[in-house]
Amino acid sequence: MKTNKKVSESKRDKMIEELVSNGVFKIDGKQLYELPLQLLKQEYEAFGQTDIQM
């Protein structure tokens, strides 16, 4: 189970890195690391970068 959590955290970190590289630092006034995974995924997909599968 810990392996799945690490993989999920890795994907989350990758999404955050990609959003930051596109100039997104906050969503709805919150820093990216404070947001739930689903909201990060929605914002990430809005940029058309769907190469990370959840």
N, C-alpha and C. Protein backbone atom coordinates (compact mmCIF):
# COMPACT_ATOMS: atom_id res chain seq x y z
N MET A 1 0.82 -1.20 0.00
CA MET A 1 0.00 0.00 0.00
C MET A 1 0.86 1.26 0.00
N LYS A 2 1.99 1.22 0.69
CA LYS A 2 2.86 2.39 0.72
C LYS A 2 3.41 2.70 -0.67
N THR A 3 3.65 1.65 -1.47
CA THR A 3 4.16 1.86 -2.82
C THR A 3 3.16 2.66 -3.65
N ASN A 4 1.89 2.33 -3.56
CA ASN A 4 0.86 3.07 -4.29
C ASN A 4 0.81 4.52 -3.85
N LYS A 5 0.98 4.77 -2.57
CA LYS A 5 0.95 6.13 -2.06
C LYS A 5 2.15 6.91 -2.59
N LYS A 6 3.31 6.27 -2.64
CA LYS A 6 4.50 6.94 -3.17
C LYS A 6 4.35 7.26 -4.64
N VAL A 7 3.77 6.33 -5.40
CA VAL A 7 3.54 6.56 -6.82
C VAL A 7 2.56 7.71 -7.00
N SER A 8 1.50 7.73 -6.21
CA SER A 8 0.52 8.80 -6.29
C SER A 8 1.15 10.15 -5.94
N GLU A 9 1.98 10.17 -4.91
CA GLU A 9 2.67 11.40 -4.53
C GLU A 9 3.61 11.85 -5.63
N SER A 10 4.27 10.91 -6.29
CA SER A 10 5.17 11.23 -7.38
C SER A 10 4.41 11.87 -8.54
N LYS A 11 3.26 11.32 -8.88
CA LYS A 11 2.43 11.88 -9.95
C LYS A 11 1.93 13.27 -9.55
N ARG A 12 1.57 13.42 -8.30
CA ARG A 12 1.11 14.72 -7.79
C ARG A 12 2.24 15.75 -7.91
N ASP A 13 3.44 15.35 -7.51
CA ASP A 13 4.59 16.25 -7.62
C ASP A 13 4.86 16.63 -9.07
N LYS A 14 4.73 15.67 -9.98
CA LYS A 14 4.94 15.93 -11.40
C LYS A 14 3.92 16.93 -11.92
N MET A 15 2.65 16.77 -11.52
CA MET A 15 1.62 17.71 -11.95
C MET A 15 1.93 19.11 -11.43
N ILE A 16 2.34 19.21 -10.16
CA ILE A 16 2.66 20.50 -9.57
C ILE A 16 3.82 21.14 -10.32
N GLU A 17 4.86 20.37 -10.63
CA GLU A 17 6.01 20.89 -11.37
C GLU A 17 5.59 21.42 -12.74
N GLU A 18 4.73 20.68 -13.43
CA GLU A 18 4.27 21.12 -14.75
C GLU A 18 3.43 22.39 -14.66
N LEU A 19 2.55 22.46 -13.67
CA LEU A 19 1.74 23.67 -13.50
C LEU A 19 2.60 24.88 -13.20
N VAL A 20 3.59 24.71 -12.32
CA VAL A 20 4.49 25.81 -12.00
C VAL A 20 5.27 26.25 -13.24
N SER A 21 5.70 25.29 -14.04
CA SER A 21 6.44 25.64 -15.26
C SER A 21 5.57 26.41 -16.24
N ASN A 22 4.25 26.27 -16.11
CA ASN A 22 3.31 27.03 -16.95
C ASN A 22 2.83 28.30 -16.28
N GLY A 23 3.44 28.65 -15.15
CA GLY A 23 3.11 29.91 -14.49
C GLY A 23 1.96 29.83 -13.51
N VAL A 24 1.51 28.63 -13.17
CA VAL A 24 0.42 28.47 -12.20
C VAL A 24 1.04 28.21 -10.83
N PHE A 25 0.84 29.14 -9.91
CA PHE A 25 1.41 29.00 -8.57
C PHE A 25 0.34 28.83 -7.50
N LYS A 26 -0.87 29.32 -7.80
CA LYS A 26 -1.99 29.21 -6.87
C LYS A 26 -3.27 28.95 -7.65
N ILE A 27 -4.18 28.23 -7.02
CA ILE A 27 -5.51 28.01 -7.58
C ILE A 27 -6.50 28.34 -6.48
N ASP A 28 -7.44 29.19 -6.79
CA ASP A 28 -8.45 29.62 -5.81
C ASP A 28 -7.79 30.18 -4.55
N GLY A 29 -6.66 30.88 -4.71
CA GLY A 29 -5.99 31.51 -3.58
C GLY A 29 -5.19 30.57 -2.70
N LYS A 30 -5.06 29.32 -3.10
CA LYS A 30 -4.29 28.35 -2.31
C LYS A 30 -3.08 27.88 -3.11
N GLN A 31 -2.00 27.64 -2.40
CA GLN A 31 -0.82 27.10 -3.07
C GLN A 31 -1.11 25.68 -3.53
N LEU A 32 -0.42 25.27 -4.59
CA LEU A 32 -0.73 23.99 -5.23
C LEU A 32 -0.63 22.80 -4.28
N TYR A 33 0.38 22.79 -3.42
CA TYR A 33 0.54 21.64 -2.53
C TYR A 33 -0.57 21.52 -1.49
N GLU A 34 -1.37 22.58 -1.31
CA GLU A 34 -2.47 22.56 -0.35
C GLU A 34 -3.76 21.99 -0.94
N LEU A 35 -3.79 21.82 -2.24
CA LEU A 35 -5.02 21.44 -2.93
C LEU A 35 -5.21 19.93 -2.99
N PRO A 36 -6.47 19.50 -3.04
CA PRO A 36 -6.74 18.07 -3.21
C PRO A 36 -6.31 17.61 -4.61
N LEU A 37 -5.98 16.36 -4.70
CA LEU A 37 -5.48 15.78 -5.95
C LEU A 37 -6.45 16.01 -7.11
N GLN A 38 -7.73 15.87 -6.88
CA GLN A 38 -8.72 16.01 -7.96
C GLN A 38 -8.68 17.42 -8.56
N LEU A 39 -8.56 18.43 -7.74
CA LEU A 39 -8.50 19.80 -8.24
C LEU A 39 -7.22 20.04 -9.03
N LEU A 40 -6.11 19.50 -8.55
CA LEU A 40 -4.85 19.59 -9.29
C LEU A 40 -4.98 18.92 -10.65
N LYS A 41 -5.58 17.75 -10.67
CA LYS A 41 -5.75 17.01 -11.92
C LYS A 41 -6.60 17.79 -12.91
N GLN A 42 -7.67 18.42 -12.44
CA GLN A 42 -8.53 19.21 -13.32
C GLN A 42 -7.76 20.37 -13.93
N GLU A 43 -7.00 21.07 -13.11
CA GLU A 43 -6.23 22.21 -13.61
C GLU A 43 -5.15 21.75 -14.58
N TYR A 44 -4.52 20.64 -14.25
CA TYR A 44 -3.48 20.07 -15.10
C TYR A 44 -4.05 19.71 -16.47
N GLU A 45 -5.20 19.07 -16.48
CA GLU A 45 -5.84 18.69 -17.73
C GLU A 45 -6.30 19.90 -18.53
N ALA A 46 -6.59 21.00 -17.86
CA ALA A 46 -7.00 22.22 -18.55
C ALA A 46 -5.88 22.75 -19.44
N PHE A 47 -4.64 22.41 -19.10
CA PHE A 47 -3.50 22.81 -19.92
C PHE A 47 -3.24 21.80 -21.03
N GLY A 48 -4.06 20.73 -21.11
CA GLY A 48 -3.92 19.75 -22.17
C GLY A 48 -2.75 18.80 -21.98
N GLN A 49 -2.30 18.66 -20.76
CA GLN A 49 -1.16 17.80 -20.48
C GLN A 49 -1.67 16.54 -19.78
N THR A 50 -2.18 15.64 -20.55
CA THR A 50 -2.82 14.46 -19.99
C THR A 50 -1.91 13.24 -20.05
N ASP A 51 -0.60 13.44 -20.10
CA ASP A 51 0.32 12.30 -20.20
C ASP A 51 0.49 11.58 -18.87
N ILE A 52 0.04 12.15 -17.77
CA ILE A 52 0.10 11.47 -16.48
C ILE A 52 -1.25 10.81 -16.24
N GLN A 53 -1.24 9.51 -16.11
CA GLN A 53 -2.47 8.76 -15.87
C GLN A 53 -2.66 8.56 -14.38
N MET A 54 -3.87 8.81 -13.89
CA MET A 54 -4.18 8.64 -12.47
C MET A 54 -4.92 7.36 -12.27
